[in-house]
């Protein structure tokens, strides 16, 4: 796991990557992630379920995922604060 966390430090430093981490101690959590989803654009969302990957293409359904992403993004920390959380997680493993 330490190597995976180290990779997040490396990837998060790339100029084309925005790495956000939702702190465990976040007091106001209007939502919790329900499943893994990837927003590709305003026309496609891919949802990973236990038994399948679902391709969402209905505009009204995509809007729900875009709203969820914005809520999760707003709870996350970025930059130095995110790196600090990753380093603390690595230290906790040792």
PDB file of N, CA and C in Angstrom:
ATOM      1  N   UNK A   1       0.815  -1.185   0.000  1.00  0.00           N
ATOM      2  CA  UNK A   1       0.000   0.000   0.000  1.00  0.00           C
ATOM      3  C   UNK A   1       0.869   1.264   0.000  1.00  0.00           C
ATOM      4  N   UNK A   2       2.008   1.212   0.640  1.00  0.00           N
ATOM      5  CA  UNK A   2       2.896   2.378   0.669  1.00  0.00           C
ATOM      6  C   UNK A   2       3.313   2.773  -0.742  1.00  0.00           C
ATOM      7  N   UNK A   3       3.582   1.784  -1.582  1.00  0.00           N
ATOM      8  CA  UNK A   3       3.963   2.072  -2.966  1.00  0.00           C
ATOM      9  C   UNK A   3       2.817   2.734  -3.724  1.00  0.00           C
ATOM     10  N   UNK A   4       1.600   2.279  -3.481  1.00  0.00           N
ATOM     11  CA  UNK A   4       0.442   2.884  -4.142  1.00  0.00           C
ATOM     12  C   UNK A   4       0.259   4.335  -3.691  1.00  0.00           C
ATOM     13  N   UNK A   5       0.445   4.576  -2.412  1.00  0.00           N
ATOM     14  CA  UNK A   5       0.342   5.938  -1.907  1.00  0.00           C
ATOM     15  C   UNK A   5       1.464   6.806  -2.479  1.00  0.00           C
ATOM     16  N   UNK A   6       2.652   6.226  -2.599  1.00  0.00           N
ATOM     17  CA  UNK A   6       3.768   6.947  -3.215  1.00  0.00           C
ATOM     18  C   UNK A   6       3.460   7.309  -4.657  1.00  0.00           C
ATOM     19  N   UNK A   7       2.787   6.399  -5.360  1.00  0.00           N
ATOM     20  CA  UNK A   7       2.398   6.690  -6.740  1.00  0.00           C
ATOM     21  C   UNK A   7       1.428   7.864  -6.792  1.00  0.00           C
ATOM     22  N   UNK A   8       0.519   7.937  -5.806  1.00  0.00           N
ATOM     23  CA  UNK A   8      -0.398   9.076  -5.766  1.00  0.00           C
ATOM     24  C   UNK A   8       0.370  10.392  -5.614  1.00  0.00           C
ATOM     25  N   UNK A   9       1.430  10.381  -4.806  1.00  0.00           N
ATOM     26  CA  UNK A   9       2.261  11.582  -4.667  1.00  0.00           C
ATOM     27  C   UNK A   9       2.872  11.969  -6.009  1.00  0.00           C
ATOM     28  N   UNK A  10       3.367  10.968  -6.743  1.00  0.00           N
ATOM     29  CA  UNK A  10       3.983  11.225  -8.045  1.00  0.00           C
ATOM     30  C   UNK A  10       2.945  11.713  -9.051  1.00  0.00           C
ATOM     31  N   UNK A  11       1.827  11.008  -9.145  1.00  0.00           N
ATOM     32  CA  UNK A  11       0.790  11.370 -10.112  1.00  0.00           C
ATOM     33  C   UNK A  11       0.182  12.730  -9.780  1.00  0.00           C
ATOM     34  N   UNK A  12      -0.002  13.001  -8.508  1.00  0.00           N
ATOM     35  CA  UNK A  12      -0.593  14.261  -8.099  1.00  0.00           C
ATOM     36  C   UNK A  12       0.266  15.472  -8.411  1.00  0.00           C
ATOM     37  N   UNK A  13       1.555  15.249  -8.642  1.00  0.00           N
ATOM     38  CA  UNK A  13       2.465  16.342  -8.971  1.00  0.00           C
ATOM     39  C   UNK A  13       2.466  16.667 -10.462  1.00  0.00           C
ATOM     40  N   UNK A  14       1.825  15.818 -11.277  1.00  0.00           N
ATOM     41  CA  UNK A  14       1.786  16.065 -12.717  1.00  0.00           C
ATOM     42  C   UNK A  14       0.888  17.267 -13.014  1.00  0.00           C
ATOM     43  N   UNK A  15       1.292  18.106 -13.975  1.00  0.00           N
ATOM     44  CA  UNK A  15       0.502  19.314 -14.252  1.00  0.00           C
ATOM     45  C   UNK A  15      -0.907  19.022 -14.783  1.00  0.00           C
ATOM     46  N   UNK A  16      -1.104  17.868 -15.393  1.00  0.00           N
ATOM     47  CA  UNK A  16      -2.410  17.553 -15.972  1.00  0.00           C
ATOM     48  C   UNK A  16      -3.317  16.775 -15.013  1.00  0.00           C
ATOM     49  N   UNK A  17      -2.866  16.583 -13.759  1.00  0.00           N
ATOM     50  CA  UNK A  17      -3.633  15.805 -12.792  1.00  0.00           C
ATOM     51  C   UNK A  17      -4.089  16.702 -11.645  1.00  0.00           C
ATOM     52  N   UNK A  18      -5.353  16.559 -11.298  1.00  0.00           N
ATOM     53  CA  UNK A  18      -5.896  17.226 -10.126  1.00  0.00           C
ATOM     54  C   UNK A  18      -6.309  16.125  -9.160  1.00  0.00           C
ATOM     55  N   UNK A  19      -5.542  15.956  -8.101  1.00  0.00           N
ATOM     56  CA  UNK A  19      -5.788  14.890  -7.141  1.00  0.00           C
ATOM     57  C   UNK A  19      -6.419  15.474  -5.888  1.00  0.00           C
ATOM     58  N   UNK A  20      -7.644  15.063  -5.625  1.00  0.00           N
ATOM     59  CA  UNK A  20      -8.342  15.514  -4.433  1.00  0.00           C
ATOM     60  C   UNK A  20      -8.565  14.350  -3.495  1.00  0.00           C
ATOM     61  N   UNK A  21      -8.467  14.613  -2.216  1.00  0.00           N
ATOM     62  CA  UNK A  21      -8.686  13.583  -1.198  1.00  0.00           C
ATOM     63  C   UNK A  21      -9.720  14.116  -0.221  1.00  0.00           C
ATOM     64  N   UNK A  22     -10.725  13.288   0.057  1.00  0.00           N
ATOM     65  CA  UNK A  22     -11.735  13.666   1.036  1.00  0.00           C
ATOM     66  C   UNK A  22     -11.241  13.200   2.400  1.00  0.00           C
ATOM     67  N   UNK A  23     -10.914  14.143   3.281  1.00  0.00           N
ATOM     68  CA  UNK A  23     -10.401  13.752   4.598  1.00  0.00           C
ATOM     69  C   UNK A  23     -11.432  12.941   5.379  1.00  0.00           C
ATOM     70  N   UNK A  24     -10.952  11.949   6.080  1.00  0.00           N
ATOM     71  CA  UNK A  24     -11.826  11.107   6.902  1.00  0.00           C
ATOM     72  C   UNK A  24     -12.543  11.952   7.961  1.00  0.00           C
ATOM     73  N   UNK A  25     -11.877  12.961   8.447  1.00  0.00           N
ATOM     74  CA  UNK A  25     -12.421  13.769   9.537  1.00  0.00           C
ATOM     75  C   UNK A  25     -13.336  14.892   9.048  1.00  0.00           C
ATOM     76  N   UNK A  26     -13.661  14.899   7.768  1.00  0.00           N
ATOM     77  CA  UNK A  26     -14.523  15.962   7.227  1.00  0.00           C
ATOM     78  C   UNK A  26     -15.849  15.966   7.975  1.00  0.00           C
ATOM     79  N   UNK A  27     -16.194  17.088   8.572  1.00  0.00           N
ATOM     80  CA  UNK A  27     -17.393  17.153   9.416  1.00  0.00           C
ATOM     81  C   UNK A  27     -18.675  17.190   8.602  1.00  0.00           C
ATOM     82  N   UNK A  28     -18.717  18.022   7.595  1.00  0.00           N
ATOM     83  CA  UNK A  28     -19.944  18.098   6.803  1.00  0.00           C
ATOM     84  C   UNK A  28     -19.785  17.244   5.555  1.00  0.00           C
ATOM     85  N   UNK A  29     -20.510  16.160   5.514  1.00  0.00           N
ATOM     86  CA  UNK A  29     -20.479  15.253   4.367  1.00  0.00           C
ATOM     87  C   UNK A  29     -21.902  15.129   3.843  1.00  0.00           C
ATOM     88  N   UNK A  30     -22.253  15.922   2.845  1.00  0.00           N
ATOM     89  CA  UNK A  30     -23.604  15.818   2.321  1.00  0.00           C
ATOM     90  C   UNK A  30     -23.866  14.489   1.613  1.00  0.00           C
ATOM     91  N   UNK A  31     -22.802  13.784   1.285  1.00  0.00           N
ATOM     92  CA  UNK A  31     -22.973  12.487   0.627  1.00  0.00           C
ATOM     93  C   UNK A  31     -21.734  11.635   0.839  1.00  0.00           C
ATOM     94  N   UNK A  32     -21.895  10.334   0.644  1.00  0.00           N
ATOM     95  CA  UNK A  32     -20.800   9.377   0.649  1.00  0.00           C
ATOM     96  C   UNK A  32     -20.769   8.738  -0.726  1.00  0.00           C
ATOM     97  N   UNK A  33     -19.584   8.421  -1.255  1.00  0.00           N
ATOM     98  CA  UNK A  33     -19.538   7.749  -2.553  1.00  0.00           C
ATOM     99  C   UNK A  33     -20.322   6.425  -2.504  1.00  0.00           C
ATOM    100  N   UNK A  34     -21.144   6.208  -3.495  1.00  0.00           N
ATOM    101  CA  UNK A  34     -21.966   4.996  -3.540  1.00  0.00           C
ATOM    102  C   UNK A  34     -21.299   3.895  -4.351  1.00  0.00           C
ATOM    103  N   UNK A  35     -20.706   4.250  -5.458  1.00  0.00           N
ATOM    104  CA  UNK A  35     -20.007   3.295  -6.304  1.00  0.00           C
ATOM    105  C   UNK A  35     -18.917   4.061  -7.050  1.00  0.00           C
ATOM    106  N   UNK A  36     -18.020   3.322  -7.669  1.00  0.00           N
ATOM    107  CA  UNK A  36     -16.957   3.952  -8.441  1.00  0.00           C
ATOM    108  C   UNK A  36     -17.543   4.385  -9.773  1.00  0.00           C
ATOM    109  N   UNK A  37     -17.315   5.644 -10.127  1.00  0.00           N
ATOM    110  CA  UNK A  37     -17.773   6.099 -11.435  1.00  0.00           C
ATOM    111  C   UNK A  37     -16.731   7.017 -12.057  1.00  0.00           C
ATOM    112  N   UNK A  38     -16.725   7.022 -13.372  1.00  0.00           N
ATOM    113  CA  UNK A  38     -15.805   7.848 -14.150  1.00  0.00           C
ATOM    114  C   UNK A  38     -16.630   8.739 -15.062  1.00  0.00           C
ATOM    115  N   UNK A  39     -16.436  10.034 -14.957  1.00  0.00           N
ATOM    116  CA  UNK A  39     -17.104  10.976 -15.843  1.00  0.00           C
ATOM    117  C   UNK A  39     -16.129  11.280 -16.973  1.00  0.00           C
ATOM    118  N   UNK A  40     -16.487  10.865 -18.179  1.00  0.00           N
ATOM    119  CA  UNK A  40     -15.621  11.120 -19.328  1.00  0.00           C
ATOM    120  C   UNK A  40     -15.918  12.479 -19.945  1.00  0.00           C
ATOM    121  N   UNK A  41     -17.179  12.811 -20.039  1.00  0.00           N
ATOM    122  CA  UNK A  41     -17.622  14.103 -20.547  1.00  0.00           C
ATOM    123  C   UNK A  41     -19.107  14.218 -20.261  1.00  0.00           C
ATOM    124  N   UNK A  42     -19.762  15.167 -20.887  1.00  0.00           N
ATOM    125  CA  UNK A  42     -21.191  15.344 -20.631  1.00  0.00           C
ATOM    126  C   UNK A  42     -22.059  14.340 -21.387  1.00  0.00           C
ATOM    127  N   UNK A  43     -21.416  13.382 -22.070  1.00  0.00           N
ATOM    128  CA  UNK A  43     -22.151  12.381 -22.833  1.00  0.00           C
ATOM    129  C   UNK A  43     -21.967  10.958 -22.328  1.00  0.00           C
ATOM    130  N   UNK A  44     -20.989  10.747 -21.425  1.00  0.00           N
ATOM    131  CA  UNK A  44     -20.710   9.381 -20.990  1.00  0.00           C
ATOM    132  C   UNK A  44     -20.181   9.341 -19.562  1.00  0.00           C
ATOM    133  N   UNK A  45     -20.809   8.481 -18.762  1.00  0.00           N
ATOM    134  CA  UNK A  45     -20.336   8.150 -17.431  1.00  0.00           C
ATOM    135  C   UNK A  45     -20.265   6.628 -17.362  1.00  0.00           C
ATOM    136  N   UNK A  46     -19.180   6.102 -16.832  1.00  0.00           N
ATOM    137  CA  UNK A  46     -19.016   4.669 -16.658  1.00  0.00           C
ATOM    138  C   UNK A  46     -19.091   4.359 -15.169  1.00  0.00           C
ATOM    139  N   UNK A  47     -19.964   3.423 -14.802  1.00  0.00           N
ATOM    140  CA  UNK A  47     -20.176   3.070 -13.404  1.00  0.00           C
ATOM    141  C   UNK A  47     -19.729   1.634 -13.192  1.00  0.00           C
ATOM    142  N   UNK A  48     -18.860   1.410 -12.203  1.00  0.00           N
ATOM    143  CA  UNK A  48     -18.373   0.064 -11.908  1.00  0.00           C
ATOM    144  C   UNK A  48     -19.174  -0.518 -10.750  1.00  0.00           C
ATOM    145  N   UNK A  49     -19.905  -1.574 -11.052  1.00  0.00           N
ATOM    146  CA  UNK A  49     -20.674  -2.292 -10.046  1.00  0.00           C
ATOM    147  C   UNK A  49     -19.981  -3.607  -9.733  1.00  0.00           C
ATOM    148  N   UNK A  50     -20.479  -4.337  -8.778  1.00  0.00           N
ATOM    149  CA  UNK A  50     -19.867  -5.599  -8.394  1.00  0.00           C
ATOM    150  C   UNK A  50     -19.798  -6.575  -9.568  1.00  0.00           C
ATOM    151  N   UNK A  51     -20.855  -6.665 -10.350  1.00  0.00           N
ATOM    152  CA  UNK A  51     -20.925  -7.682 -11.399  1.00  0.00           C
ATOM    153  C   UNK A  51     -20.802  -7.127 -12.806  1.00  0.00           C
ATOM    154  N   UNK A  52     -20.737  -5.823 -12.965  1.00  0.00           N
ATOM    155  CA  UNK A  52     -20.722  -5.281 -14.325  1.00  0.00           C
ATOM    156  C   UNK A  52     -20.246  -3.837 -14.330  1.00  0.00           C
ATOM    157  N   UNK A  53     -19.910  -3.374 -15.514  1.00  0.00           N
ATOM    158  CA  UNK A  53     -19.637  -1.956 -15.749  1.00  0.00           C
ATOM    159  C   UNK A  53     -20.795  -1.435 -16.588  1.00  0.00           C
ATOM    160  N   UNK A  54     -21.384  -0.340 -16.141  1.00  0.00           N
ATOM    161  CA  UNK A  54     -22.548   0.223 -16.813  1.00  0.00           C
ATOM    162  C   UNK A  54     -22.135   1.521 -17.496  1.00  0.00           C
ATOM    163  N   UNK A  55     -22.513   1.665 -18.751  1.00  0.00           N
ATOM    164  CA  UNK A  55     -22.260   2.893 -19.495  1.00  0.00           C
ATOM    165  C   UNK A  55     -23.524   3.748 -19.439  1.00  0.00           C
ATOM    166  N   UNK A  56     -23.449   4.898 -18.802  1.00  0.00           N
ATOM    167  CA  UNK A  56     -24.595   5.787 -18.661  1.00  0.00           C
ATOM    168  C   UNK A  56     -24.517   6.851 -19.755  1.00  0.00           C
ATOM    169  N   UNK A  57     -25.588   6.960 -20.539  1.00  0.00           N
ATOM    170  CA  UNK A  57     -25.601   7.934 -21.638  1.00  0.00           C
ATOM    171  C   UNK A  57     -26.830   8.845 -21.614  1.00  0.00           C
ATOM    172  N   UNK A  58     -27.786   8.568 -20.739  1.00  0.00           N
ATOM    173  CA  UNK A  58     -28.983   9.408 -20.645  1.00  0.00           C
ATOM    174  C   UNK A  58     -28.614  10.735 -20.000  1.00  0.00           C
ATOM    175  N   UNK A  59     -28.916  11.854 -20.646  1.00  0.00           N
ATOM    176  CA  UNK A  59     -28.543  13.163 -20.088  1.00  0.00           C
ATOM    177  C   UNK A  59     -29.024  13.386 -18.652  1.00  0.00           C
ATOM    178  N   UNK A  60     -30.234  12.951 -18.308  1.00  0.00           N
ATOM    179  CA  UNK A  60     -30.735  13.170 -16.940  1.00  0.00           C
ATOM    180  C   UNK A  60     -29.943  12.352 -15.920  1.00  0.00           C
ATOM    181  N   UNK A  61     -29.497  11.160 -16.308  1.00  0.00           N
ATOM    182  CA  UNK A  61     -28.696  10.327 -15.410  1.00  0.00           C
ATOM    183  C   UNK A  61     -27.274  10.862 -15.305  1.00  0.00           C
ATOM    184  N   UNK A  62     -26.721  11.308 -16.409  1.00  0.00           N
ATOM    185  CA  UNK A  62     -25.383  11.913 -16.389  1.00  0.00           C
ATOM    186  C   UNK A  62     -25.385  13.135 -15.471  1.00  0.00           C
ATOM    187  N   UNK A  63     -26.461  13.910 -15.505  1.00  0.00           N
ATOM    188  CA  UNK A  63     -26.563  15.094 -14.647  1.00  0.00           C
ATOM    189  C   UNK A  63     -26.463  14.717 -13.174  1.00  0.00           C
ATOM    190  N   UNK A  64     -27.026  13.572 -12.777  1.00  0.00           N
ATOM    191  CA  UNK A  64     -26.931  13.116 -11.387  1.00  0.00           C
ATOM    192  C   UNK A  64     -25.479  12.829 -11.008  1.00  0.00           C
ATOM    193  N   UNK A  65     -24.733  12.193 -11.908  1.00  0.00           N
ATOM    194  CA  UNK A  65     -23.328  11.889 -11.627  1.00  0.00           C
ATOM    195  C   UNK A  65     -22.480  13.156 -11.614  1.00  0.00           C
ATOM    196  N   UNK A  66     -22.777  14.095 -12.498  1.00  0.00           N
ATOM    197  CA  UNK A  66     -22.036  15.354 -12.489  1.00  0.00           C
ATOM    198  C   UNK A  66     -22.282  16.109 -11.180  1.00  0.00           C
ATOM    199  N   UNK A  67     -23.518  16.091 -10.690  1.00  0.00           N
ATOM    200  CA  UNK A  67     -23.828  16.736  -9.413  1.00  0.00           C
ATOM    201  C   UNK A  67     -23.098  16.033  -8.267  1.00  0.00           C
ATOM    202  N   UNK A  68     -23.117  14.692  -8.275  1.00  0.00           N
ATOM    203  CA  UNK A  68     -22.414  13.937  -7.234  1.00  0.00           C
ATOM    204  C   UNK A  68     -20.919  14.237  -7.266  1.00  0.00           C
ATOM    205  N   UNK A  69     -20.340  14.294  -8.472  1.00  0.00           N
ATOM    206  CA  UNK A  69     -18.911  14.593  -8.588  1.00  0.00           C
ATOM    207  C   UNK A  69     -18.605  15.965  -8.001  1.00  0.00           C
ATOM    208  N   UNK A  70     -19.430  16.955  -8.292  1.00  0.00           N
ATOM    209  CA  UNK A  70     -19.194  18.299  -7.768  1.00  0.00           C
ATOM    210  C   UNK A  70     -19.287  18.326  -6.248  1.00  0.00           C
ATOM    211  N   UNK A  71     -20.221  17.572  -5.680  1.00  0.00           N
ATOM    212  CA  UNK A  71     -20.334  17.515  -4.220  1.00  0.00           C
ATOM    213  C   UNK A  71     -19.104  16.854  -3.607  1.00  0.00           C
ATOM    214  N   UNK A  72     -18.638  15.763  -4.210  1.00  0.00           N
ATOM    215  CA  UNK A  72     -17.442  15.083  -3.706  1.00  0.00           C
ATOM    216  C   UNK A  72     -16.212  15.970  -3.873  1.00  0.00           C
ATOM    217  N   UNK A  73     -16.100  16.636  -5.025  1.00  0.00           N
ATOM    218  CA  UNK A  73     -14.964  17.526  -5.301  1.00  0.00           C
ATOM    219  C   UNK A  73     -14.914  18.654  -4.283  1.00  0.00           C
ATOM    220  N   UNK A  74     -16.071  19.171  -3.903  1.00  0.00           N
ATOM    221  CA  UNK A  74     -16.116  20.276  -2.947  1.00  0.00           C
ATOM    222  C   UNK A  74     -15.671  19.837  -1.550  1.00  0.00           C
ATOM    223  N   UNK A  75     -15.801  18.564  -1.215  1.00  0.00           N
ATOM    224  CA  UNK A  75     -15.382  18.066   0.095  1.00  0.00           C
ATOM    225  C   UNK A  75     -13.887  17.757   0.140  1.00  0.00           C
ATOM    226  N   UNK A  76     -13.259  17.641  -1.018  1.00  0.00           N
ATOM    227  CA  UNK A  76     -11.859  17.209  -1.096  1.00  0.00           C
ATOM    228  C   UNK A  76     -10.893  18.354  -0.821  1.00  0.00           C
ATOM    229  N   UNK A  77      -9.686  17.956  -0.431  1.00  0.00           N
ATOM    230  CA  UNK A  77      -8.567  18.897  -0.320  1.00  0.00           C
ATOM    231  C   UNK A  77      -7.589  18.583  -1.438  1.00  0.00           C
ATOM    232  N   UNK A  78      -6.837  19.584  -1.838  1.00  0.00           N
ATOM    233  CA  UNK A  78      -5.931  19.458  -2.983  1.00  0.00           C
ATOM    234  C   UNK A  78      -4.557  20.008  -2.633  1.00  0.00           C
ATOM    235  N   UNK A  79      -3.604  19.814  -3.522  1.00  0.00           N
ATOM    236  CA  UNK A  79      -2.282  20.407  -3.370  1.00  0.00           C
ATOM    237  C   UNK A  79      -1.556  19.928  -2.126  1.00  0.00           C
ATOM    238  N   UNK A  80      -0.959  20.878  -1.419  1.00  0.00           N
ATOM    239  CA  UNK A  80      -0.134  20.553  -0.250  1.00  0.00           C
ATOM    240  C   UNK A  80      -0.936  19.828   0.826  1.00  0.00           C
ATOM    241  N   UNK A  81      -2.200  20.214   0.984  1.00  0.00           N
ATOM    242  CA  UNK A  81      -3.025  19.571   2.011  1.00  0.00           C
ATOM    243  C   UNK A  81      -3.271  18.094   1.662  1.00  0.00           C
ATOM    244  N   UNK A  82      -3.501  17.804   0.397  1.00  0.00           N
ATOM    245  CA  UNK A  82      -3.693  16.412  -0.033  1.00  0.00           C
ATOM    246  C   UNK A  82      -2.399  15.623   0.131  1.00  0.00           C
ATOM    247  N   UNK A  83      -1.270  16.233  -0.256  1.00  0.00           N
ATOM    248  CA  UNK A  83       0.024  15.550  -0.104  1.00  0.00           C
ATOM    249  C   UNK A  83       0.308  15.239   1.364  1.00  0.00           C
ATOM    250  N   UNK A  84      -0.035  16.148   2.257  1.00  0.00           N
ATOM    251  CA  UNK A  84       0.165  15.919   3.684  1.00  0.00           C
ATOM    252  C   UNK A  84      -0.622  14.699   4.159  1.00  0.00           C
ATOM    253  N   UNK A  85      -1.866  14.572   3.698  1.00  0.00           N
ATOM    254  CA  UNK A  85      -2.672  13.407   4.081  1.00  0.00           C
ATOM    255  C   UNK A  85      -2.057  12.113   3.562  1.00  0.00           C
ATOM    256  N   UNK A  86      -1.535  12.142   2.350  1.00  0.00           N
ATOM    257  CA  UNK A  86      -0.913  10.940   1.777  1.00  0.00           C
ATOM    258  C   UNK A  86       0.337  10.570   2.562  1.00  0.00           C
ATOM    259  N   UNK A  87       1.163  11.553   2.869  1.00  0.00           N
ATOM    260  CA  UNK A  87       2.391  11.290   3.635  1.00  0.00           C
ATOM    261  C   UNK A  87       2.046  10.750   5.015  1.00  0.00           C
ATOM    262  N   UNK A  88       1.031  11.282   5.649  1.00  0.00           N
ATOM    263  CA  UNK A  88       0.608  10.752   6.958  1.00  0.00           C
ATOM    264  C   UNK A  88       0.151   9.294   6.842  1.00  0.00           C
ATOM    265  N   UNK A  89      -0.552   8.978   5.770  1.00  0.00           N
ATOM    266  CA  UNK A  89      -1.000   7.601   5.564  1.00  0.00           C
ATOM    267  C   UNK A  89       0.190   6.667   5.366  1.00  0.00           C
ATOM    268  N   UNK A  90       1.198   7.133   4.628  1.00  0.00           N
ATOM    269  CA  UNK A  90       2.416   6.320   4.434  1.00  0.00           C
ATOM    270  C   UNK A  90       3.118   6.120   5.772  1.00  0.00           C
ATOM    271  N   UNK A  91       3.258   7.200   6.535  1.00  0.00           N
ATOM    272  CA  UNK A  91       3.916   7.099   7.854  1.00  0.00           C
ATOM    273  C   UNK A  91       3.175   6.145   8.778  1.00  0.00           C
ATOM    274  N   UNK A  92       1.859   6.126   8.703  1.00  0.00           N
ATOM    275  CA  UNK A  92       1.058   5.255   9.572  1.00  0.00           C
ATOM    276  C   UNK A  92       1.279   3.783   9.245  1.00  0.00           C
ATOM    277  N   UNK A  93       1.762   3.480   8.047  1.00  0.00           N
ATOM    278  CA  UNK A  93       2.010   2.094   7.655  1.00  0.00           C
ATOM    279  C   UNK A  93       3.320   1.553   8.241  1.00  0.00           C
ATOM    280  N   UNK A  94       4.190   2.442   8.647  1.00  0.00           N
ATOM    281  CA  UNK A  94       5.519   2.008   9.154  1.00  0.00           C
ATOM    282  C   UNK A  94       5.543   1.885  10.646  1.00  0.00           C
TER     283      UNK A  94
END
